[in-house]
Amino acid sequence: MQKTVYHRLMIDKKIIVVIPSYEPPSTFESYVLSLLDNGVYKVVIVNDGSCDKYNTTYKKIENINGVTLLSYSDNRGKGYALKFAFNYIKDNFDGDYIIVTADCDGQHDVFDVLNVALEVSSSNLLVLGSRDFKLENVPKRSSFGNVSTRKLFKLLYGLNLKDTQTGLRAFSSSLLDFMLNISGTRFEYEMNVLIVCHKNDVTVKEIPVKTIYESKPSDVLKRSHFKTFSDSLRVWTVLFRNVNTYVLAVVLSLIIEICFFIIGEYSLYKNLYPALRTLLSSVTARVISSAFNYFANYKFVFNGKGKSTVFKYYALWAGLLASSYLLTNFFGNVLGLPVVLFKVIVDGALSIISYRIQTTWVFKHKKNSA
């Protein structure tokens, strides 16, 4: 009955499932057959440089009606494999269809694959199959890696996702060129997709899916080909690389501000009452540095988004100035700690908060409706 229901729902939606594969388990063939039996239009599989031991498995799969097998000799990474398939689809399929990316290791239930496809209701939408990492069957390595990455992602980009590393994703064929232009050849590509989608007003939507972690099959060396250190480093590098311009603007602005704060504290206002001296020094320094910071963020970080952003920016500026003064004055003049040192510490912390607010409010475009 469930199979019939899905088939009826997908009459007007051609679903192409893309599966990048490297040394797949023996269950791979049955998984592909199950996808096709339940209404998937085509399955495009990429053999990402698996060794000769897996030739028999691939030959069986290649002979299945509805399957296209793409192969190359060297292992080039998941991102490369995905884009290799996207290029093939772009050149060989016409019309509108839904593309779903799935893994070959059995972590994505067939009906979850169909569910994410059915959630694609517009051409400007990326649907993620979100796993629950609080379950007991989830390996601690996977749980820790995902939780830490999604928290960092939220901190830097302001988008709260439960599963930033899921390989189960669905989108309209109209986004193919967009996906092909996103950088990355290995696991970092999928993180890049989330960042670029968020920055370009492509709505990212999550739906819950089954969390499947099976024991390692006897016919494969390891269940996951994710290299804990090197691939994690790639992913985290992507997270920070996308805020490098902002960090540079913050550092330069902070240097300007600290210089003028020191001039105010020890020269311009040195004979005033300490609290007033710190207030005037903070205001003077912040006014000068903010002009540079706004120009840098508007022009280079957020690509000139929004002509009225100056009003939002200076509303934020006023709040940050008040916070900076109150905290710096408290640590420096009330507690008697080094005022310049705590000015640096306070403003460094506030710059992280500022980035979040600038991303989600000051320079934010209105999203297109999904």
Protein backbone atom coordinates (compact mmCIF):
# COMPACT_ATOMS: atom_id res chain seq x y z
CA MET A 1 0.00 0.00 0.00
CA GLN A 2 2.79 2.44 0.87
CA LYS A 3 4.49 1.84 -2.47
CA THR A 4 1.24 2.64 -4.32
CA VAL A 5 0.74 5.87 -2.37
CA TYR A 6 4.22 7.12 -3.23
CA HIS A 7 3.83 6.18 -6.87
CA ARG A 8 0.62 8.19 -7.14
CA LEU A 9 2.15 11.24 -5.44
CA MET A 10 5.08 11.30 -7.83
CA ILE A 11 3.23 11.12 -11.14
CA ASP A 12 4.10 14.75 -11.92
CA LYS A 13 7.63 14.61 -10.44
CA LYS A 14 10.52 12.84 -12.10
CA ILE A 15 13.03 12.01 -9.41
CA ILE A 16 16.67 11.41 -10.28
CA VAL A 17 18.73 10.00 -7.41
CA VAL A 18 22.47 10.71 -7.51
CA ILE A 19 24.67 8.33 -5.53
CA PRO A 20 28.42 8.97 -5.26
CA SER A 21 30.02 5.66 -4.35
CA TYR A 22 33.41 4.45 -3.27
CA GLU A 23 33.88 0.77 -2.41
CA PRO A 24 30.16 0.16 -1.74
CA PRO A 25 28.77 -2.69 0.42
CA SER A 26 27.20 -5.81 -1.10
CA THR A 27 23.74 -4.44 -0.22
CA PHE A 28 24.18 -1.60 -2.71
CA GLU A 29 22.49 -3.45 -5.59
CA SER A 30 19.35 -4.22 -3.59
CA TYR A 31 19.22 -0.61 -2.38
CA VAL A 32 19.28 0.69 -5.96
CA LEU A 33 16.57 -1.78 -7.01
CA SER A 34 14.40 -0.68 -4.11
CA LEU A 35 14.69 2.97 -5.18
CA LEU A 36 13.54 2.13 -8.70
CA ASP A 37 10.76 -0.17 -7.48
CA ASN A 38 9.30 2.68 -5.43
CA GLY A 39 8.92 5.28 -8.15
CA VAL A 40 12.37 6.81 -8.70
CA TYR A 41 12.74 7.77 -12.38
CA LYS A 42 16.52 7.32 -12.76
CA VAL A 43 19.48 6.49 -10.54
CA VAL A 44 22.82 8.04 -11.53
CA ILE A 45 25.71 6.33 -9.77
CA VAL A 46 29.29 7.56 -9.75
CA ASN A 47 32.07 5.06 -9.17
CA ASP A 48 34.57 7.38 -7.50
CA GLY A 49 37.69 5.35 -8.25
CA SER A 50 36.85 2.12 -6.39
CA CYS A 51 39.43 -0.65 -6.73
CA ASP A 52 38.96 -3.63 -9.06
CA LYS A 53 37.50 -5.74 -6.26
CA TYR A 54 34.19 -3.90 -6.76
CA ASN A 55 33.94 -4.32 -10.53
CA THR A 56 31.47 -7.20 -10.20
CA THR A 57 29.14 -5.14 -8.05
CA TYR A 58 29.23 -2.25 -10.50
CA LYS A 59 28.65 -4.51 -13.51
CA LYS A 60 25.50 -5.92 -11.90
CA ILE A 61 24.24 -2.43 -11.10
CA GLU A 62 25.05 -1.08 -14.56
CA ASN A 63 22.75 -3.70 -16.12
CA ILE A 64 19.72 -2.56 -14.10
CA ASN A 65 17.14 -0.76 -16.18
CA GLY A 66 16.95 2.87 -15.03
CA VAL A 67 20.56 3.06 -13.81
CA THR A 68 23.36 5.12 -15.33
CA LEU A 69 26.86 4.31 -14.10
CA LEU A 70 29.59 6.92 -14.42
CA SER A 71 33.17 5.91 -13.61
CA TYR A 72 36.73 7.22 -13.50
CA SER A 73 39.90 5.55 -12.27
CA ASP A 74 41.14 7.72 -9.38
CA ASN A 75 39.33 8.55 -6.15
CA ARG A 76 38.61 12.28 -6.38
CA GLY A 77 36.22 12.89 -3.52
CA LYS A 78 32.51 13.17 -2.85
CA GLY A 79 32.14 16.75 -4.05
CA TYR A 80 33.82 15.93 -7.35
CA ALA A 81 31.61 12.87 -7.80
CA LEU A 82 28.43 14.83 -7.13
CA LYS A 83 29.32 17.54 -9.62
CA PHE A 84 30.40 14.92 -12.17
CA ALA A 85 26.88 13.49 -11.96
CA PHE A 86 25.26 16.94 -12.04
CA ASN A 87 27.10 17.74 -15.27
CA TYR A 88 25.92 14.48 -16.80
CA ILE A 89 22.31 15.16 -15.82
CA LYS A 90 22.48 18.70 -17.17
CA ASP A 91 23.69 17.44 -20.55
CA ASN A 92 21.39 14.42 -20.86
CA PHE A 93 18.02 15.22 -19.26
CA ASP A 94 15.41 17.75 -20.37
CA GLY A 95 12.47 19.24 -18.53
CA ASP A 96 11.80 19.70 -14.84
CA TYR A 97 12.77 17.08 -12.29
CA ILE A 98 13.88 16.66 -8.70
CA ILE A 99 17.46 15.67 -7.90
CA VAL A 100 18.13 13.77 -4.69
CA THR A 101 21.65 13.02 -3.48
CA ALA A 102 22.05 9.93 -1.30
CA ASP A 103 24.90 7.84 0.08
CA CYS A 104 25.66 4.27 -0.90
CA ASP A 105 26.32 2.93 2.60
CA GLY A 106 22.74 2.21 3.67
CA GLN A 107 22.25 5.28 5.89
CA HIS A 108 19.36 6.67 3.84
CA ASP A 109 16.08 4.82 3.97
CA VAL A 110 14.36 4.49 0.57
CA PHE A 111 11.18 6.21 1.72
CA ASP A 112 13.19 9.04 3.28
CA VAL A 113 14.75 9.55 -0.16
CA LEU A 114 11.24 9.89 -1.59
CA ASN A 115 10.11 12.12 1.27
CA VAL A 116 12.84 14.73 0.75
CA ALA A 117 12.01 14.77 -2.98
CA LEU A 118 8.33 15.37 -2.28
CA GLU A 119 9.20 18.33 -0.05
CA VAL A 120 10.75 20.24 -2.96
CA SER A 121 7.90 22.66 -3.58
CA SER A 122 9.80 25.44 -5.37
CA SER A 123 12.81 26.05 -7.57
CA ASN A 124 14.51 28.03 -4.81
CA LEU A 125 14.61 25.36 -2.12
CA LEU A 126 17.16 22.89 -0.77
CA VAL A 127 15.66 20.12 1.39
CA LEU A 128 17.83 18.26 3.90
CA GLY A 129 17.12 14.91 5.48
CA SER A 130 17.98 15.61 9.12
CA ARG A 131 19.15 12.82 11.43
CA ASP A 132 18.75 12.66 15.21
CA PHE A 133 22.19 12.50 16.82
CA LYS A 134 20.84 11.98 20.32
CA LEU A 135 19.93 8.34 19.66
CA GLU A 136 21.93 5.58 21.33
CA ASN A 137 22.92 3.89 18.07
CA VAL A 138 24.81 6.97 16.83
CA PRO A 139 28.61 6.60 17.15
CA LYS A 140 30.14 9.14 19.51
CA ARG A 141 32.53 10.31 16.79
CA SER A 142 29.63 11.15 14.48
CA SER A 143 27.58 12.75 17.24
CA PHE A 144 30.41 14.98 18.46
CA GLY A 145 31.46 15.97 14.95
CA ASN A 146 27.98 16.94 13.84
CA VAL A 147 27.00 18.77 17.03
CA SER A 148 30.20 20.84 17.13
CA THR A 149 29.99 21.67 13.42
CA ARG A 150 26.34 22.72 13.48
CA LYS A 151 26.95 24.94 16.53
CA LEU A 152 29.84 26.63 14.81
CA PHE A 153 27.75 26.98 11.65
CA LYS A 154 24.97 28.67 13.63
CA LEU A 155 27.46 30.97 15.37
CA LEU A 156 29.07 32.11 12.11
CA TYR A 157 26.12 32.14 9.73
CA GLY A 158 23.03 32.45 11.91
CA LEU A 159 21.27 29.43 10.39
CA ASN A 160 20.11 26.85 12.93
CA LEU A 161 20.32 23.38 11.36
CA LYS A 162 20.11 20.05 13.16
CA ASP A 163 22.27 18.16 10.65
CA THR A 164 24.82 20.10 8.58
CA GLN A 165 26.57 16.98 7.31
CA THR A 166 23.70 14.98 5.90
CA GLY A 167 24.24 13.61 2.41
CA LEU A 168 20.49 13.22 1.82
CA ARG A 169 19.46 16.38 -0.01
CA ALA A 170 16.91 17.32 -2.65
CA PHE A 171 16.51 20.27 -5.01
CA SER A 172 14.96 21.27 -8.31
CA SER A 173 16.86 20.79 -11.58
CA SER A 174 16.72 24.57 -12.00
CA LEU A 175 19.46 24.79 -9.35
CA LEU A 176 21.91 22.56 -11.24
CA ASP A 177 24.08 25.39 -12.56
CA PHE A 178 24.06 26.97 -9.10
CA MET A 179 25.26 23.72 -7.49
CA LEU A 180 27.93 23.21 -10.14
CA ASN A 181 29.44 26.63 -9.45
CA ILE A 182 29.97 25.91 -5.74
CA SER A 183 33.57 25.05 -4.89
CA GLY A 184 34.82 21.87 -3.24
CA THR A 185 35.76 18.37 -4.33
CA ARG A 186 35.53 16.32 -1.15
CA PHE A 187 33.31 16.32 1.95
CA GLU A 188 33.72 20.08 2.35
CA TYR A 189 31.58 20.61 -0.78
CA GLU A 190 28.38 19.81 1.13
CA MET A 191 29.21 22.42 3.77
CA ASN A 192 29.98 24.93 1.06
CA VAL A 193 26.54 24.24 -0.45
CA LEU A 194 24.83 25.23 2.80
CA ILE A 195 26.85 28.42 3.15
CA VAL A 196 26.38 29.52 -0.46
CA CYS A 197 22.66 28.69 -0.41
CA HIS A 198 22.19 30.73 2.77
CA LYS A 199 24.11 33.69 1.35
CA ASN A 200 22.19 33.62 -1.93
CA ASP A 201 18.68 33.38 -0.53
CA VAL A 202 18.10 29.75 -1.42
CA THR A 203 15.81 28.49 1.34
CA VAL A 204 17.24 25.57 3.32
CA LYS A 205 14.58 23.31 4.84
CA GLU A 206 15.04 20.27 7.07
CA ILE A 207 12.75 17.28 7.49
CA PRO A 208 13.40 14.45 9.98
CA VAL A 209 14.59 11.12 8.59
CA LYS A 210 15.58 7.79 10.08
CA THR A 211 18.97 7.69 11.76
CA ILE A 212 20.61 4.52 10.49
CA TYR A 213 24.05 3.44 11.61
CA GLU A 214 24.74 -0.17 10.75
CA SER A 215 27.69 -2.31 11.79
CA LYS A 216 30.56 -2.63 9.33
CA PRO A 217 29.87 -5.24 6.63
CA SER A 218 32.39 -8.04 6.23
CA ASP A 219 33.02 -7.19 2.58
CA VAL A 220 34.24 -3.62 3.08
CA LEU A 221 37.22 -2.24 4.93
CA LYS A 222 35.19 0.40 6.73
CA ARG A 223 31.64 1.68 6.82
CA SER A 224 32.50 5.36 6.44
CA HIS A 225 35.13 6.85 4.14
CA PHE A 226 35.09 10.12 6.07
CA LYS A 227 38.63 10.71 7.35
CA THR A 228 38.16 12.09 10.84
CA PHE A 229 41.09 14.51 10.91
CA SER A 230 41.72 15.55 7.30
CA ASP A 231 38.08 15.75 6.20
CA SER A 232 37.02 17.51 9.40
CA LEU A 233 39.82 20.01 8.83
CA ARG A 234 38.51 20.62 5.30
CA VAL A 235 34.98 21.22 6.59
CA TRP A 236 36.07 23.57 9.38
CA THR A 237 38.40 25.42 6.99
CA VAL A 238 35.39 26.07 4.76
CA LEU A 239 33.43 27.44 7.73
CA PHE A 240 36.14 29.93 8.63
CA ARG A 241 37.27 30.73 5.08
CA ASN A 242 33.89 32.22 4.33
CA VAL A 243 34.26 34.78 7.13
CA ASN A 244 37.90 35.66 6.45
CA THR A 245 37.00 38.98 4.82
CA TYR A 246 34.82 39.89 7.77
CA VAL A 247 37.57 38.92 10.21
CA LEU A 248 40.06 41.07 8.31
CA ALA A 249 37.64 44.02 8.41
CA VAL A 250 37.11 43.44 12.15
CA VAL A 251 40.85 43.28 12.85
CA LEU A 252 41.59 46.46 10.89
CA SER A 253 38.64 48.26 12.49
CA LEU A 254 39.72 47.07 15.93
CA ILE A 255 43.27 48.34 15.34
CA ILE A 256 41.90 51.74 14.29
CA GLU A 257 39.57 51.83 17.28
CA ILE A 258 42.20 50.79 19.83
CA CYS A 259 44.65 53.39 18.50
CA PHE A 260 42.15 56.21 18.85
CA PHE A 261 40.97 54.84 22.20
CA ILE A 262 44.54 55.02 23.51
CA ILE A 263 44.91 58.55 22.16
CA GLY A 264 41.72 59.53 23.98
CA GLU A 265 42.62 57.80 27.26
CA TYR A 266 46.20 59.06 27.49
CA SER A 267 46.12 62.33 25.58
CA LEU A 268 42.87 64.01 24.51
CA TYR A 269 40.81 63.29 27.64
CA LYS A 270 43.48 62.27 30.14
CA ASN A 271 42.56 64.95 32.73
CA LEU A 272 38.87 64.05 32.90
CA TYR A 273 37.06 61.85 35.44
CA PRO A 274 37.89 58.18 34.57
CA ALA A 275 34.35 57.14 33.63
CA LEU A 276 33.88 60.24 31.42
CA ARG A 277 37.33 59.83 29.94
CA THR A 278 36.57 56.23 28.94
CA LEU A 279 33.17 57.23 27.55
CA LEU A 280 34.57 59.97 25.32
CA SER A 281 37.50 57.80 24.26
CA SER A 282 35.12 54.95 23.33
CA VAL A 283 32.77 57.21 21.36
CA THR A 284 35.58 58.96 19.49
CA ALA A 285 37.31 55.69 18.60
CA ARG A 286 34.08 53.93 17.60
CA VAL A 287 32.88 56.80 15.38
CA ILE A 288 36.15 56.79 13.43
CA SER A 289 36.47 52.99 13.15
CA SER A 290 32.79 52.47 12.28
CA ALA A 291 33.06 54.50 9.08
CA PHE A 292 35.79 52.16 7.85
CA ASN A 293 34.01 49.04 9.16
CA TYR A 294 30.71 49.87 7.48
CA PHE A 295 32.37 50.55 4.14
CA ALA A 296 34.41 47.31 4.31
CA ASN A 297 31.40 45.18 5.29
CA TYR A 298 29.06 46.76 2.76
CA LYS A 299 31.53 46.60 -0.12
CA PHE A 300 33.54 43.44 0.46
CA VAL A 301 31.86 41.17 3.05
CA PHE A 302 28.17 41.39 2.20
CA ASN A 303 28.58 42.48 -1.44
CA GLY A 304 26.64 45.73 -1.23
CA LYS A 305 23.36 44.22 -0.09
CA GLY A 306 20.71 46.83 0.64
CA LYS A 307 20.90 50.59 0.21
CA SER A 308 19.26 51.37 3.56
CA THR A 309 21.64 49.19 5.57
CA VAL A 310 23.43 52.22 6.98
CA PHE A 311 20.50 52.93 9.31
CA LYS A 312 20.43 49.36 10.62
CA TYR A 313 24.20 49.32 10.89
CA TYR A 314 24.30 52.42 13.08
CA ALA A 315 21.42 51.19 15.23
CA LEU A 316 23.57 48.11 15.86
CA TRP A 317 26.58 50.37 16.27
CA ALA A 318 24.87 52.31 19.06
CA GLY A 319 24.04 49.13 20.96
CA LEU A 320 27.57 47.77 20.58
CA LEU A 321 29.06 51.11 21.62
CA ALA A 322 26.98 51.14 24.81
CA SER A 323 27.94 47.54 25.58
CA SER A 324 31.60 48.21 24.86
CA TYR A 325 31.67 51.27 27.10
CA LEU A 326 29.79 49.70 30.02
CA LEU A 327 31.89 46.52 30.03
CA THR A 328 35.20 48.30 29.48
CA ASN A 329 34.43 50.84 32.18
CA PHE A 330 33.37 48.10 34.59
CA PHE A 331 36.52 46.01 34.13
CA GLY A 332 38.92 48.94 33.77
CA ASN A 333 37.64 51.66 36.11
CA VAL A 334 35.44 49.79 38.62
CA LEU A 335 37.54 46.67 39.06
CA GLY A 336 40.83 48.43 38.35
CA LEU A 337 41.99 46.03 35.63
CA PRO A 338 44.04 47.10 32.55
CA VAL A 339 41.53 49.17 30.60
CA VAL A 340 43.13 48.80 27.15
CA LEU A 341 43.47 45.02 27.54
CA PHE A 342 39.82 44.61 28.45
CA LYS A 343 38.82 46.99 25.65
CA VAL A 344 40.42 44.51 23.22
CA ILE A 345 38.78 41.50 24.88
CA VAL A 346 35.33 43.07 25.06
CA ASP A 347 35.36 44.36 21.48
CA GLY A 348 36.66 41.04 20.19
CA ALA A 349 33.70 39.23 21.77
CA LEU A 350 31.25 41.87 20.55
CA SER A 351 32.56 41.50 16.99
CA ILE A 352 31.29 37.89 16.91
CA ILE A 353 27.86 39.03 18.05
CA SER A 354 28.01 41.86 15.50
CA TYR A 355 28.70 39.43 12.65
CA ARG A 356 25.66 37.35 13.55
CA ILE A 357 23.42 40.40 13.65
CA GLN A 358 24.82 41.84 10.43
CA THR A 359 24.29 38.51 8.68
CA THR A 360 20.74 37.98 9.91
CA TRP A 361 19.47 41.57 10.01
CA VAL A 362 21.62 44.46 8.78
CA PHE A 363 22.70 43.08 5.40
CA LYS A 364 20.04 40.40 5.05
CA HIS A 365 18.02 40.13 1.86
CA LYS A 366 14.39 39.14 2.00
CA LYS A 367 14.18 35.49 1.05
CA ASN A 368 12.08 34.45 -1.86
CA SER A 369 9.00 32.48 -0.82
CA ALA A 370 9.47 28.72 -0.91
